[in-house]
Amino acid sequence: MSPTLTPAQARQHYDAHAHKQDAQGWYEDSALERLIALGDFGTADDVLEVGCGTGKFATTLLREHLPAHATYIGVDISPAMLARAGTRLQKYAPRAKLRPGDVSLGLTSRDESADRIIATYLFDLLSPAHSKLLLEHMHRVLRPGGMICLAGLTLEKDDGDRTIVSQLWALIQRRWPWIVGGCRPVQLKTMLGDAQWEVLAHETVAPRGLVSEVLVAKKV
């Protein structure tokens, strides 16, 4: 099994590298564009983003896609990330708020308090046990019919092809996980329980050969 960073190691890494995080757009942006297209954010009322990072994605949503009345809460383990996100989202206060949190322990949000939960390039950081716990909490926090909107690294494109770039990334992560921030290719769709989630959209994108998975699923 591929090693993962502990929550403490992840916090330390992303505090140290927060200033570089937006440079990952070369492989993230295509997946995030598809997530926006598939997530029906124009009808959202209350959005929760776990692992909000520097607030780049939140800014795009608030500026261009969410209704004016919609609220946004972003959670991240890294104080440095939250500081950058706070600067970006200041103009959207008070309807945009940020909270520190270790999502490997689950979510502290109230039951049925959100209709969208976003997690981008987060599950590829978490251990299988932490991923399972987080999905259970997402299900609890979502309202009936609410949706999870996920994106993350994966190994295979839709046609089953494994790119050299993604295989190389996985190899580096297994041997030197800190080089890639602990992120490893995972399979988001296989994590979902059929009894809890209905997959509404699922596809992959591979800018420059690094494959990302995009998934939107509704709470059952």
N, C-alpha and C. Protein backbone atom coordinates (compact mmCIF):
# COMPACT_ATOMS: atom_id res chain seq x y z
N MET A 1 0.85 -1.20 0.00
CA MET A 1 0.00 0.00 0.00
C MET A 1 0.88 1.24 0.00
N SER A 2 0.53 2.26 -0.78
CA SER A 2 1.31 3.47 -0.85
C SER A 2 1.29 4.19 0.49
N PRO A 3 2.45 4.67 0.96
CA PRO A 3 2.48 5.41 2.21
C PRO A 3 1.77 6.75 2.06
N THR A 4 1.17 7.22 3.14
CA THR A 4 0.54 8.53 3.14
C THR A 4 1.16 9.36 4.25
N LEU A 5 1.13 10.67 4.09
CA LEU A 5 1.60 11.55 5.15
C LEU A 5 0.61 11.55 6.30
N THR A 6 1.11 11.64 7.51
CA THR A 6 0.22 11.81 8.66
C THR A 6 -0.38 13.22 8.60
N PRO A 7 -1.49 13.46 9.32
CA PRO A 7 -2.04 14.82 9.34
C PRO A 7 -1.02 15.86 9.77
N ALA A 8 -0.19 15.53 10.75
CA ALA A 8 0.83 16.49 11.20
C ALA A 8 1.85 16.76 10.11
N GLN A 9 2.26 15.72 9.40
CA GLN A 9 3.20 15.90 8.30
C GLN A 9 2.58 16.70 7.16
N ALA A 10 1.30 16.44 6.88
CA ALA A 10 0.61 17.19 5.83
C ALA A 10 0.52 18.67 6.19
N ARG A 11 0.19 18.96 7.45
CA ARG A 11 0.11 20.35 7.89
C ARG A 11 1.47 21.03 7.73
N GLN A 12 2.51 20.36 8.14
CA GLN A 12 3.86 20.93 8.04
C GLN A 12 4.25 21.17 6.58
N HIS A 13 3.95 20.20 5.72
CA HIS A 13 4.32 20.32 4.31
C HIS A 13 3.59 21.49 3.66
N TYR A 14 2.28 21.57 3.87
CA TYR A 14 1.51 22.60 3.17
C TYR A 14 1.68 23.98 3.79
N ASP A 15 2.05 24.06 5.06
CA ASP A 15 2.45 25.34 5.62
C ASP A 15 3.72 25.85 4.92
N ALA A 16 4.65 24.93 4.69
CA ALA A 16 5.93 25.31 4.08
C ALA A 16 5.80 25.62 2.60
N HIS A 17 4.80 25.03 1.92
CA HIS A 17 4.70 25.15 0.47
C HIS A 17 3.44 25.88 0.01
N ALA A 18 2.77 26.58 0.91
CA ALA A 18 1.53 27.26 0.53
C ALA A 18 1.76 28.26 -0.59
N HIS A 19 2.92 28.89 -0.60
CA HIS A 19 3.20 29.90 -1.62
C HIS A 19 3.38 29.30 -3.01
N LYS A 20 3.55 27.98 -3.09
CA LYS A 20 3.74 27.32 -4.38
C LYS A 20 2.47 26.62 -4.87
N GLN A 21 1.44 26.57 -4.04
CA GLN A 21 0.31 25.71 -4.31
C GLN A 21 -0.41 26.04 -5.61
N ASP A 22 -0.57 27.30 -5.91
CA ASP A 22 -1.32 27.66 -7.11
C ASP A 22 -0.59 27.28 -8.40
N ALA A 23 0.68 26.99 -8.31
CA ALA A 23 1.45 26.56 -9.49
C ALA A 23 1.00 25.20 -9.99
N GLN A 24 0.20 24.47 -9.19
CA GLN A 24 -0.27 23.16 -9.60
C GLN A 24 -1.44 23.22 -10.57
N GLY A 25 -1.79 24.42 -10.97
CA GLY A 25 -2.87 24.57 -11.93
C GLY A 25 -2.62 23.87 -13.25
N TRP A 26 -1.37 23.57 -13.58
CA TRP A 26 -1.08 22.93 -14.86
C TRP A 26 -1.77 21.57 -14.99
N TYR A 27 -2.04 20.91 -13.87
CA TYR A 27 -2.79 19.66 -13.96
C TYR A 27 -4.14 19.73 -13.24
N GLU A 28 -4.35 20.69 -12.35
CA GLU A 28 -5.61 20.77 -11.61
C GLU A 28 -6.70 21.53 -12.36
N ASP A 29 -6.33 22.58 -13.08
CA ASP A 29 -7.34 23.49 -13.63
C ASP A 29 -8.33 22.81 -14.57
N SER A 30 -7.86 21.89 -15.40
CA SER A 30 -8.76 21.21 -16.34
C SER A 30 -9.82 20.41 -15.59
N ALA A 31 -9.40 19.73 -14.51
CA ALA A 31 -10.35 18.95 -13.72
C ALA A 31 -11.33 19.87 -13.00
N LEU A 32 -10.85 20.99 -12.49
CA LEU A 32 -11.74 21.91 -11.77
C LEU A 32 -12.75 22.56 -12.72
N GLU A 33 -12.34 22.83 -13.93
CA GLU A 33 -13.28 23.36 -14.93
C GLU A 33 -14.40 22.36 -15.20
N ARG A 34 -14.04 21.09 -15.30
CA ARG A 34 -15.06 20.06 -15.52
C ARG A 34 -15.96 19.92 -14.29
N LEU A 35 -15.38 20.04 -13.10
CA LEU A 35 -16.17 19.94 -11.88
C LEU A 35 -17.20 21.06 -11.81
N ILE A 36 -16.81 22.25 -12.22
CA ILE A 36 -17.76 23.36 -12.26
C ILE A 36 -18.88 23.07 -13.25
N ALA A 37 -18.51 22.54 -14.40
CA ALA A 37 -19.51 22.25 -15.43
C ALA A 37 -20.50 21.19 -14.98
N LEU A 38 -20.07 20.25 -14.16
CA LEU A 38 -20.90 19.11 -13.77
C LEU A 38 -21.62 19.30 -12.43
N GLY A 39 -21.15 20.26 -11.61
CA GLY A 39 -21.63 20.36 -10.23
C GLY A 39 -22.88 21.19 -10.02
N ASP A 40 -23.42 21.81 -11.06
CA ASP A 40 -24.67 22.58 -10.97
C ASP A 40 -24.61 23.59 -9.82
N PHE A 41 -23.52 24.34 -9.75
CA PHE A 41 -23.32 25.27 -8.64
C PHE A 41 -24.26 26.47 -8.70
N GLY A 42 -24.86 26.71 -9.84
CA GLY A 42 -25.80 27.81 -9.94
C GLY A 42 -27.06 27.64 -9.12
N THR A 43 -27.32 26.40 -8.65
CA THR A 43 -28.48 26.13 -7.81
C THR A 43 -28.11 25.87 -6.35
N ALA A 44 -26.84 26.06 -6.01
CA ALA A 44 -26.38 25.75 -4.65
C ALA A 44 -26.78 26.84 -3.67
N ASP A 45 -27.04 26.44 -2.44
CA ASP A 45 -27.36 27.38 -1.36
C ASP A 45 -26.25 27.46 -0.31
N ASP A 46 -25.76 26.29 0.11
CA ASP A 46 -24.76 26.22 1.17
C ASP A 46 -23.65 25.26 0.76
N VAL A 47 -22.46 25.80 0.55
CA VAL A 47 -21.33 25.03 0.03
C VAL A 47 -20.29 24.86 1.12
N LEU A 48 -19.81 23.63 1.27
CA LEU A 48 -18.71 23.32 2.18
C LEU A 48 -17.57 22.76 1.34
N GLU A 49 -16.38 23.35 1.47
CA GLU A 49 -15.20 22.82 0.79
C GLU A 49 -14.22 22.32 1.82
N VAL A 50 -13.88 21.04 1.75
CA VAL A 50 -12.92 20.46 2.68
C VAL A 50 -11.57 20.37 1.97
N GLY A 51 -10.53 20.88 2.64
CA GLY A 51 -9.24 21.02 1.99
C GLY A 51 -9.28 22.17 1.00
N CYS A 52 -9.66 23.36 1.49
CA CYS A 52 -9.89 24.50 0.59
C CYS A 52 -8.61 25.13 0.07
N GLY A 53 -7.46 24.81 0.67
CA GLY A 53 -6.20 25.33 0.18
C GLY A 53 -6.12 26.84 0.21
N THR A 54 -5.64 27.43 -0.87
CA THR A 54 -5.42 28.87 -0.92
C THR A 54 -6.67 29.67 -1.27
N GLY A 55 -7.79 29.00 -1.47
CA GLY A 55 -9.03 29.69 -1.80
C GLY A 55 -9.19 30.02 -3.27
N LYS A 56 -8.31 29.50 -4.10
CA LYS A 56 -8.38 29.81 -5.54
C LYS A 56 -9.69 29.31 -6.15
N PHE A 57 -10.05 28.06 -5.87
CA PHE A 57 -11.28 27.50 -6.43
C PHE A 57 -12.51 28.20 -5.86
N ALA A 58 -12.47 28.49 -4.56
CA ALA A 58 -13.59 29.17 -3.92
C ALA A 58 -13.83 30.54 -4.54
N THR A 59 -12.76 31.25 -4.84
CA THR A 59 -12.89 32.57 -5.45
C THR A 59 -13.59 32.49 -6.80
N THR A 60 -13.21 31.50 -7.60
CA THR A 60 -13.86 31.30 -8.90
C THR A 60 -15.34 31.02 -8.73
N LEU A 61 -15.68 30.15 -7.78
CA LEU A 61 -17.09 29.82 -7.55
C LEU A 61 -17.88 31.03 -7.10
N LEU A 62 -17.36 31.77 -6.14
CA LEU A 62 -18.09 32.91 -5.58
C LEU A 62 -18.21 34.04 -6.60
N ARG A 63 -17.20 34.22 -7.40
CA ARG A 63 -17.20 35.32 -8.37
C ARG A 63 -18.07 35.03 -9.59
N GLU A 64 -18.10 33.76 -10.02
CA GLU A 64 -18.67 33.48 -11.33
C GLU A 64 -19.83 32.48 -11.35
N HIS A 65 -19.98 31.65 -10.31
CA HIS A 65 -20.90 30.53 -10.45
C HIS A 65 -21.94 30.38 -9.35
N LEU A 66 -21.64 30.75 -8.13
CA LEU A 66 -22.62 30.59 -7.05
C LEU A 66 -23.63 31.74 -7.07
N PRO A 67 -24.88 31.46 -6.69
CA PRO A 67 -25.86 32.55 -6.55
C PRO A 67 -25.40 33.55 -5.50
N ALA A 68 -25.89 34.77 -5.60
CA ALA A 68 -25.47 35.83 -4.68
C ALA A 68 -25.83 35.53 -3.23
N HIS A 69 -26.86 34.71 -3.02
CA HIS A 69 -27.29 34.40 -1.65
C HIS A 69 -26.54 33.20 -1.06
N ALA A 70 -25.80 32.46 -1.88
CA ALA A 70 -25.17 31.21 -1.42
C ALA A 70 -24.07 31.49 -0.40
N THR A 71 -23.98 30.61 0.59
CA THR A 71 -22.91 30.71 1.58
C THR A 71 -21.82 29.70 1.27
N TYR A 72 -20.61 30.00 1.74
CA TYR A 72 -19.45 29.14 1.51
C TYR A 72 -18.67 29.01 2.81
N ILE A 73 -18.29 27.78 3.15
CA ILE A 73 -17.39 27.52 4.28
C ILE A 73 -16.23 26.68 3.75
N GLY A 74 -15.01 27.13 4.02
CA GLY A 74 -13.82 26.37 3.63
C GLY A 74 -13.07 25.89 4.86
N VAL A 75 -12.62 24.64 4.82
CA VAL A 75 -11.90 24.03 5.93
C VAL A 75 -10.54 23.56 5.43
N ASP A 76 -9.50 23.80 6.21
CA ASP A 76 -8.18 23.31 5.85
C ASP A 76 -7.35 23.09 7.11
N ILE A 77 -6.40 22.16 7.01
CA ILE A 77 -5.55 21.83 8.15
C ILE A 77 -4.38 22.79 8.29
N SER A 78 -4.05 23.51 7.20
CA SER A 78 -2.85 24.34 7.16
C SER A 78 -3.15 25.80 7.47
N PRO A 79 -2.58 26.36 8.54
CA PRO A 79 -2.77 27.79 8.82
C PRO A 79 -2.26 28.68 7.70
N ALA A 80 -1.19 28.29 7.05
CA ALA A 80 -0.65 29.11 5.96
C ALA A 80 -1.61 29.14 4.77
N MET A 81 -2.22 28.00 4.47
CA MET A 81 -3.22 27.96 3.40
C MET A 81 -4.42 28.82 3.76
N LEU A 82 -4.89 28.72 4.99
CA LEU A 82 -6.05 29.50 5.41
C LEU A 82 -5.76 30.99 5.38
N ALA A 83 -4.53 31.38 5.69
CA ALA A 83 -4.16 32.79 5.63
C ALA A 83 -4.27 33.32 4.20
N ARG A 84 -3.78 32.54 3.26
CA ARG A 84 -3.87 32.95 1.85
C ARG A 84 -5.33 32.98 1.38
N ALA A 85 -6.08 31.96 1.79
CA ALA A 85 -7.49 31.92 1.42
C ALA A 85 -8.24 33.10 2.03
N GLY A 86 -7.91 33.46 3.26
CA GLY A 86 -8.57 34.57 3.92
C GLY A 86 -8.37 35.89 3.17
N THR A 87 -7.17 36.10 2.67
CA THR A 87 -6.90 37.31 1.88
C THR A 87 -7.74 37.32 0.62
N ARG A 88 -7.84 36.17 -0.03
CA ARG A 88 -8.59 36.08 -1.28
C ARG A 88 -10.09 36.28 -1.07
N LEU A 89 -10.61 35.73 0.01
CA LEU A 89 -12.06 35.70 0.20
C LEU A 89 -12.59 36.85 1.04
N GLN A 90 -11.73 37.75 1.45
CA GLN A 90 -12.14 38.84 2.32
C GLN A 90 -13.29 39.65 1.72
N LYS A 91 -13.27 39.85 0.43
CA LYS A 91 -14.31 40.65 -0.22
C LYS A 91 -15.66 39.97 -0.22
N TYR A 92 -15.69 38.65 0.05
CA TYR A 92 -16.95 37.91 0.03
C TYR A 92 -17.52 37.68 1.44
N ALA A 93 -16.86 38.22 2.46
CA ALA A 93 -17.40 38.13 3.81
C ALA A 93 -18.69 38.96 3.89
N PRO A 94 -19.66 38.58 4.73
CA PRO A 94 -19.63 37.46 5.67
C PRO A 94 -20.16 36.14 5.12
N ARG A 95 -20.54 36.09 3.85
CA ARG A 95 -21.13 34.83 3.37
C ARG A 95 -20.08 33.77 3.06
N ALA A 96 -18.81 34.16 3.05
CA ALA A 96 -17.71 33.20 2.89
C ALA A 96 -16.89 33.18 4.18
N LYS A 97 -16.76 31.99 4.76
CA LYS A 97 -16.05 31.85 6.03
C LYS A 97 -15.04 30.70 5.93
N LEU A 98 -14.01 30.76 6.77
CA LEU A 98 -12.96 29.74 6.80
C LEU A 98 -12.80 29.20 8.21
N ARG A 99 -12.48 27.90 8.27
CA ARG A 99 -12.29 27.25 9.56
C ARG A 99 -11.08 26.33 9.51
N PRO A 100 -10.27 26.28 10.58
CA PRO A 100 -9.23 25.26 10.65
C PRO A 100 -9.85 23.92 10.99
N GLY A 101 -9.31 22.85 10.43
CA GLY A 101 -9.86 21.54 10.74
C GLY A 101 -9.04 20.42 10.14
N ASP A 102 -8.98 19.32 10.86
CA ASP A 102 -8.31 18.11 10.40
C ASP A 102 -9.39 17.14 9.92
N VAL A 103 -9.60 17.08 8.61
CA VAL A 103 -10.71 16.29 8.08
C VAL A 103 -10.47 14.79 8.19
N SER A 104 -9.24 14.39 8.55
CA SER A 104 -9.01 12.96 8.81
C SER A 104 -9.78 12.49 10.03
N LEU A 105 -10.24 13.44 10.85
CA LEU A 105 -11.06 13.13 12.02
C LEU A 105 -12.55 13.25 11.73
N GLY A 106 -12.89 13.57 10.48
CA GLY A 106 -14.27 13.77 10.10
C GLY A 106 -14.59 15.26 10.00
N LEU A 107 -15.88 15.58 10.04
CA LEU A 107 -16.34 16.96 9.90
C LEU A 107 -17.13 17.36 11.15
N THR A 108 -16.98 18.62 11.54
CA THR A 108 -17.71 19.12 12.71
C THR A 108 -19.00 19.84 12.32
N SER A 109 -19.29 19.95 11.04
CA SER A 109 -20.49 20.65 10.57
C SER A 109 -21.75 19.93 11.03
N ARG A 110 -22.84 20.69 11.15
CA ARG A 110 -24.11 20.14 11.58
C ARG A 110 -24.67 19.17 10.55
N ASP A 111 -25.50 18.25 11.01
CA ASP A 111 -26.21 17.34 10.11
C ASP A 111 -27.03 18.15 9.10
N GLU A 112 -27.00 17.70 7.85
CA GLU A 112 -27.82 18.26 6.77
C GLU A 112 -27.71 19.78 6.69
N SER A 113 -26.48 20.29 6.76
CA SER A 113 -26.26 21.74 6.73
C SER A 113 -25.71 22.24 5.41
N ALA A 114 -25.44 21.35 4.44
CA ALA A 114 -24.88 21.77 3.16
C ALA A 114 -25.59 21.04 2.02
N ASP A 115 -25.64 21.68 0.84
CA ASP A 115 -26.17 20.98 -0.32
C ASP A 115 -25.09 20.68 -1.37
N ARG A 116 -23.88 21.21 -1.16
CA ARG A 116 -22.72 20.83 -1.95
C ARG A 116 -21.53 20.66 -1.00
N ILE A 117 -20.79 19.58 -1.17
CA ILE A 117 -19.52 19.42 -0.47
C ILE A 117 -18.45 19.17 -1.52
N ILE A 118 -17.42 19.98 -1.49
CA ILE A 118 -16.33 19.91 -2.47
C ILE A 118 -15.08 19.36 -1.80
N ALA A 119 -14.39 18.48 -2.51
CA ALA A 119 -13.07 18.02 -2.07
C ALA A 119 -12.22 17.80 -3.32
N THR A 120 -11.24 18.66 -3.54
CA THR A 120 -10.39 18.53 -4.71
C THR A 120 -8.95 18.25 -4.28
N TYR A 121 -8.41 17.20 -4.83
CA TYR A 121 -7.04 16.77 -4.52
C TYR A 121 -6.83 16.65 -3.01
N LEU A 122 -7.80 16.00 -2.39
CA LEU A 122 -7.76 15.74 -0.95
C LEU A 122 -7.74 14.24 -0.65
N PHE A 123 -8.62 13.48 -1.30
CA PHE A 123 -8.65 12.04 -1.03
C PHE A 123 -7.35 11.37 -1.44
N ASP A 124 -6.63 11.96 -2.38
CA ASP A 124 -5.34 11.37 -2.76
C ASP A 124 -4.27 11.61 -1.71
N LEU A 125 -4.60 12.39 -0.67
CA LEU A 125 -3.72 12.59 0.47
C LEU A 125 -4.05 11.67 1.65
N LEU A 126 -5.31 11.21 1.71
CA LEU A 126 -5.80 10.52 2.90
C LEU A 126 -5.58 9.02 2.82
N SER A 127 -5.43 8.39 3.97
CA SER A 127 -5.39 6.94 4.04
C SER A 127 -6.76 6.38 3.73
N PRO A 128 -6.85 5.10 3.36
CA PRO A 128 -8.17 4.50 3.10
C PRO A 128 -9.13 4.64 4.29
N ALA A 129 -8.63 4.47 5.50
CA ALA A 129 -9.49 4.57 6.67
C ALA A 129 -10.01 5.99 6.85
N HIS A 130 -9.13 6.98 6.66
CA HIS A 130 -9.56 8.37 6.79
C HIS A 130 -10.52 8.75 5.68
N SER A 131 -10.32 8.21 4.48
CA SER A 131 -11.22 8.48 3.36
C SER A 131 -12.62 7.95 3.65
N LYS A 132 -12.68 6.74 4.17
CA LYS A 132 -13.98 6.13 4.50
C LYS A 132 -14.71 6.96 5.55
N LEU A 133 -13.98 7.40 6.59
CA LEU A 133 -14.60 8.20 7.64
C LEU A 133 -15.10 9.53 7.08
N LEU A 134 -14.30 10.17 6.23
CA LEU A 134 -14.70 11.46 5.68
C LEU A 134 -15.95 11.33 4.82
N LEU A 135 -16.04 10.28 4.02
CA LEU A 135 -17.23 10.08 3.20
C LEU A 135 -18.47 9.86 4.07
N GLU A 136 -18.32 9.16 5.17
CA GLU A 136 -19.45 8.99 6.08
C GLU A 136 -19.91 10.33 6.64
N HIS A 137 -18.96 11.17 6.99
CA HIS A 137 -19.32 12.49 7.52
C HIS A 137 -19.93 13.37 6.42
N MET A 138 -19.41 13.28 5.21
CA MET A 138 -20.01 14.03 4.10
C MET A 138 -21.47 13.65 3.92
N HIS A 139 -21.75 12.36 4.00
CA HIS A 139 -23.12 11.90 3.85
C HIS A 139 -24.01 12.46 4.95
N ARG A 140 -23.48 12.53 6.16
CA ARG A 140 -24.23 13.06 7.30
C ARG A 140 -24.51 14.55 7.12
N VAL A 141 -23.53 15.30 6.65
CA VAL A 141 -23.63 16.75 6.57
C VAL A 141 -24.50 17.21 5.39
N LEU A 142 -24.56 16.42 4.34
CA LEU A 142 -25.36 16.79 3.17
C LEU A 142 -26.86 16.68 3.45
N ARG A 143 -27.61 17.59 2.86
CA ARG A 143 -29.06 17.47 2.87
C ARG A 143 -29.48 16.37 1.91
N PRO A 144 -30.69 15.84 2.06
CA PRO A 144 -31.18 14.86 1.09
C PRO A 144 -31.11 15.42 -0.33
N GLY A 145 -30.53 14.66 -1.22
CA GLY A 145 -30.37 15.11 -2.59
C GLY A 145 -29.16 15.99 -2.82
N GLY A 146 -28.42 16.32 -1.76
CA GLY A 146 -27.20 17.11 -1.91
C GLY A 146 -26.11 16.32 -2.61
N MET A 147 -25.09 17.03 -3.08
CA MET A 147 -24.08 16.39 -3.91
C MET A 147 -22.66 16.60 -3.38
N ILE A 148 -21.84 15.57 -3.55
CA ILE A 148 -20.40 15.71 -3.37
C ILE A 148 -19.79 15.96 -4.75
N CYS A 149 -18.83 16.88 -4.79
CA CYS A 149 -18.14 17.25 -6.02
C CYS A 149 -16.65 17.04 -5.79
N LEU A 150 -16.11 16.00 -6.39
CA LEU A 150 -14.76 15.56 -6.08
C LEU A 150 -13.86 15.59 -7.31
N ALA A 151 -12.58 15.84 -7.07
CA ALA A 151 -11.56 15.70 -8.11
C ALA A 151 -10.27 15.25 -7.44
N GLY A 152 -9.49 14.45 -8.14
CA GLY A 152 -8.23 13.98 -7.58
C GLY A 152 -7.44 13.19 -8.59
N LEU A 153 -6.20 12.94 -8.25
CA LEU A 153 -5.33 12.16 -9.11
C LEU A 153 -5.81 10.72 -9.21
N THR A 154 -5.68 10.14 -10.39
CA THR A 154 -6.00 8.73 -10.58
C THR A 154 -5.03 8.15 -11.60
N LEU A 155 -5.01 6.84 -11.73
CA LEU A 155 -4.03 6.19 -12.61
C LEU A 155 -4.51 6.05 -14.05
N GLU A 156 -5.80 5.76 -14.24
CA GLU A 156 -6.28 5.39 -15.57
C GLU A 156 -7.22 6.42 -16.15
N LYS A 157 -7.14 6.62 -17.46
CA LYS A 157 -8.11 7.41 -18.18
C LYS A 157 -9.39 6.58 -18.36
N ASP A 158 -10.42 7.20 -18.89
CA ASP A 158 -11.70 6.51 -19.06
C ASP A 158 -11.57 5.24 -19.89
N ASP A 159 -10.64 5.25 -20.84
CA ASP A 159 -10.47 4.09 -21.71
C ASP A 159 -9.57 3.02 -21.10
N GLY A 160 -9.14 3.21 -19.85
CA GLY A 160 -8.30 2.23 -19.18
C GLY A 160 -6.82 2.41 -19.41
N ASP A 161 -6.45 3.40 -20.21
CA ASP A 161 -5.04 3.64 -20.51
C ASP A 161 -4.34 4.24 -19.30
N ARG A 162 -3.16 3.72 -18.99
CA ARG A 162 -2.35 4.25 -17.90
C ARG A 162 -1.20 5.06 -18.51
N THR A 163 -1.17 6.35 -18.24
CA THR A 163 -0.16 7.19 -18.84
C THR A 163 1.18 7.02 -18.12
N ILE A 164 2.24 7.28 -18.85
CA ILE A 164 3.58 7.19 -18.27
C ILE A 164 3.75 8.21 -17.15
N VAL A 165 3.20 9.41 -17.33
CA VAL A 165 3.35 10.46 -16.32
C VAL A 165 2.68 10.05 -15.01
N SER A 166 1.47 9.50 -15.09
CA SER A 166 0.77 9.09 -13.87
C SER A 166 1.47 7.92 -13.19
N GLN A 167 2.00 7.00 -13.97
CA GLN A 167 2.74 5.88 -13.39
C GLN A 167 4.02 6.36 -12.71
N LEU A 168 4.69 7.33 -13.32
CA LEU A 168 5.91 7.89 -12.72
C LEU A 168 5.59 8.61 -11.43
N TRP A 169 4.48 9.38 -11.43
CA TRP A 169 4.06 10.07 -10.21
C TRP A 169 3.81 9.06 -9.08
N ALA A 170 3.10 7.97 -9.39
CA ALA A 170 2.81 6.96 -8.37
C ALA A 170 4.07 6.33 -7.83
N LEU A 171 5.05 6.11 -8.71
CA LEU A 171 6.32 5.53 -8.27
C LEU A 171 7.04 6.47 -7.32
N ILE A 172 7.09 7.75 -7.67
CA ILE A 172 7.75 8.73 -6.79
C ILE A 172 7.03 8.80 -5.45
N GLN A 173 5.70 8.78 -5.48
CA GLN A 173 4.94 8.88 -4.23
C GLN A 173 5.21 7.70 -3.31
N ARG A 174 5.36 6.52 -3.88
CA ARG A 174 5.61 5.33 -3.05
C ARG A 174 6.97 5.41 -2.37
N ARG A 175 7.94 5.96 -3.05
CA ARG A 175 9.31 5.96 -2.52
C ARG A 175 9.63 7.24 -1.75
N TRP A 176 9.17 8.38 -2.25
CA TRP A 176 9.49 9.66 -1.63
C TRP A 176 8.22 10.51 -1.58
N PRO A 177 7.27 10.16 -0.71
CA PRO A 177 5.95 10.82 -0.73
C PRO A 177 5.99 12.32 -0.51
N TRP A 178 6.99 12.82 0.23
CA TRP A 178 7.05 14.25 0.51
C TRP A 178 7.34 15.08 -0.74
N ILE A 179 7.95 14.46 -1.76
CA ILE A 179 8.27 15.20 -2.99
C ILE A 179 6.99 15.67 -3.69
N VAL A 180 5.94 14.84 -3.63
CA VAL A 180 4.67 15.19 -4.29
C VAL A 180 3.60 15.55 -3.25
N GLY A 181 4.05 15.97 -2.07
CA GLY A 181 3.10 16.39 -1.04
C GLY A 181 2.22 15.27 -0.53
N GLY A 182 2.65 14.02 -0.70
CA GLY A 182 1.87 12.88 -0.23
C GLY A 182 0.76 12.46 -1.17
N CYS A 183 0.54 13.20 -2.26
CA CYS A 183 -0.58 12.90 -3.16
C CYS A 183 -0.27 11.68 -4.03
N ARG A 184 -1.22 10.74 -4.07
CA ARG A 184 -1.05 9.53 -4.86
C ARG A 184 -2.30 9.30 -5.69
N PRO A 185 -2.19 8.63 -6.82
CA PRO A 185 -3.39 8.31 -7.61
C PRO A 185 -4.31 7.37 -6.84
N VAL A 186 -5.60 7.70 -6.80
CA VAL A 186 -6.61 6.85 -6.16
C VAL A 186 -7.78 6.68 -7.12
N GLN A 187 -8.77 5.91 -6.71
CA GLN A 187 -9.98 5.71 -7.51
C GLN A 187 -11.18 6.17 -6.71
N LEU A 188 -11.62 7.39 -6.97
CA LEU A 188 -12.70 7.97 -6.19
C LEU A 188 -13.99 7.16 -6.29
N LYS A 189 -14.31 6.72 -7.49
CA LYS A 189 -15.59 6.03 -7.69
C LYS A 189 -15.68 4.75 -6.88
N THR A 190 -14.57 4.05 -6.73
CA THR A 190 -14.60 2.79 -5.98
C THR A 190 -14.73 3.01 -4.48
N MET A 191 -14.49 4.23 -4.01
CA MET A 191 -14.63 4.52 -2.59
C MET A 191 -16.08 4.65 -2.15
N LEU A 192 -16.96 4.96 -3.08
CA LEU A 192 -18.35 5.24 -2.73
C LEU A 192 -19.14 3.97 -2.50
N GLY A 193 -19.99 3.99 -1.50
CA GLY A 193 -20.89 2.87 -1.29
C GLY A 193 -22.15 3.03 -2.13
N ASP A 194 -22.52 1.99 -2.85
CA ASP A 194 -23.69 2.06 -3.73
C ASP A 194 -24.97 2.41 -2.99
N ALA A 195 -25.04 2.02 -1.72
CA ALA A 195 -26.26 2.27 -0.96
C ALA A 195 -26.36 3.72 -0.50
N GLN A 196 -25.26 4.46 -0.51
CA GLN A 196 -25.25 5.82 0.01
C GLN A 196 -25.17 6.89 -1.08
N TRP A 197 -24.65 6.53 -2.26
CA TRP A 197 -24.38 7.55 -3.28
C TRP A 197 -24.87 7.10 -4.65
N GLU A 198 -25.43 8.03 -5.39
CA GLU A 198 -25.77 7.82 -6.79
C GLU A 198 -24.84 8.68 -7.64
N VAL A 199 -24.00 8.04 -8.43
CA VAL A 199 -23.05 8.78 -9.27
C VAL A 199 -23.80 9.46 -10.41
N LEU A 200 -23.67 10.78 -10.49
CA LEU A 200 -24.34 11.56 -11.53
C LEU A 200 -23.41 11.83 -12.71
N ALA A 201 -22.13 11.97 -12.44
CA ALA A 201 -21.16 12.24 -13.50
C ALA A 201 -19.80 11.72 -13.07
N HIS A 202 -19.08 11.16 -14.03
CA HIS A 202 -17.75 10.62 -13.75
C HIS A 202 -16.94 10.64 -15.03
N GLU A 203 -15.78 11.30 -14.99
CA GLU A 203 -14.91 11.34 -16.16
C GLU A 203 -13.48 11.62 -15.73
N THR A 204 -12.57 11.51 -16.69
CA THR A 204 -11.16 11.80 -16.41
C THR A 204 -10.64 12.82 -17.42
N VAL A 205 -9.62 13.55 -16.99
CA VAL A 205 -8.89 14.46 -17.86
C VAL A 205 -7.41 14.20 -17.64
N ALA A 206 -6.59 14.48 -18.64
CA ALA A 206 -5.16 14.15 -18.53
C ALA A 206 -4.29 15.24 -19.16
N PRO A 207 -4.30 16.46 -18.60
CA PRO A 207 -3.42 17.50 -19.14
C PRO A 207 -1.95 17.11 -18.93
N ARG A 208 -1.18 17.19 -20.02
CA ARG A 208 0.25 16.85 -19.99
C ARG A 208 0.50 15.43 -19.48
N GLY A 209 -0.50 14.57 -19.62
CA GLY A 209 -0.32 13.16 -19.29
C GLY A 209 -0.59 12.77 -17.85
N LEU A 210 -0.89 13.73 -16.97
CA LEU A 210 -1.20 13.41 -15.57
C LEU A 210 -2.71 13.32 -15.41
N VAL A 211 -3.21 12.14 -15.07
CA VAL A 211 -4.64 11.86 -15.10
C VAL A 211 -5.32 12.29 -13.80
N SER A 212 -6.43 13.01 -13.92
CA SER A 212 -7.27 13.36 -12.79
C SER A 212 -8.68 12.82 -13.03
N GLU A 213 -9.32 12.44 -11.94
CA GLU A 213 -10.69 11.92 -11.95
C GLU A 213 -11.63 13.00 -11.45
N VAL A 214 -12.77 13.16 -12.10
CA VAL A 214 -13.79 14.12 -11.69
C VAL A 214 -15.08 13.36 -11.44
N LEU A 215 -15.69 13.59 -10.28
CA LEU A 215 -16.87 12.82 -9.90
C LEU A 215 -17.88 13.69 -9.17
N VAL A 216 -19.13 13.56 -9.55
CA VAL A 216 -20.24 14.21 -8.84
C VAL A 216 -21.24 13.11 -8.48
N ALA A 217 -21.61 13.04 -7.20
CA ALA A 217 -22.55 12.01 -6.75
C ALA A 217 -23.56 12.61 -5.80
N LYS A 218 -24.76 12.09 -5.84
CA LYS A 218 -25.86 12.59 -5.02
C LYS A 218 -26.07 11.69 -3.81
N LYS A 219 -26.37 12.30 -2.67
CA LYS A 219 -26.69 11.54 -1.47
C LYS A 219 -27.98 10.77 -1.67
N VAL A 220 -27.94 9.50 -1.36
CA VAL A 220 -29.13 8.65 -1.45
C VAL A 220 -29.74 8.57 -0.04
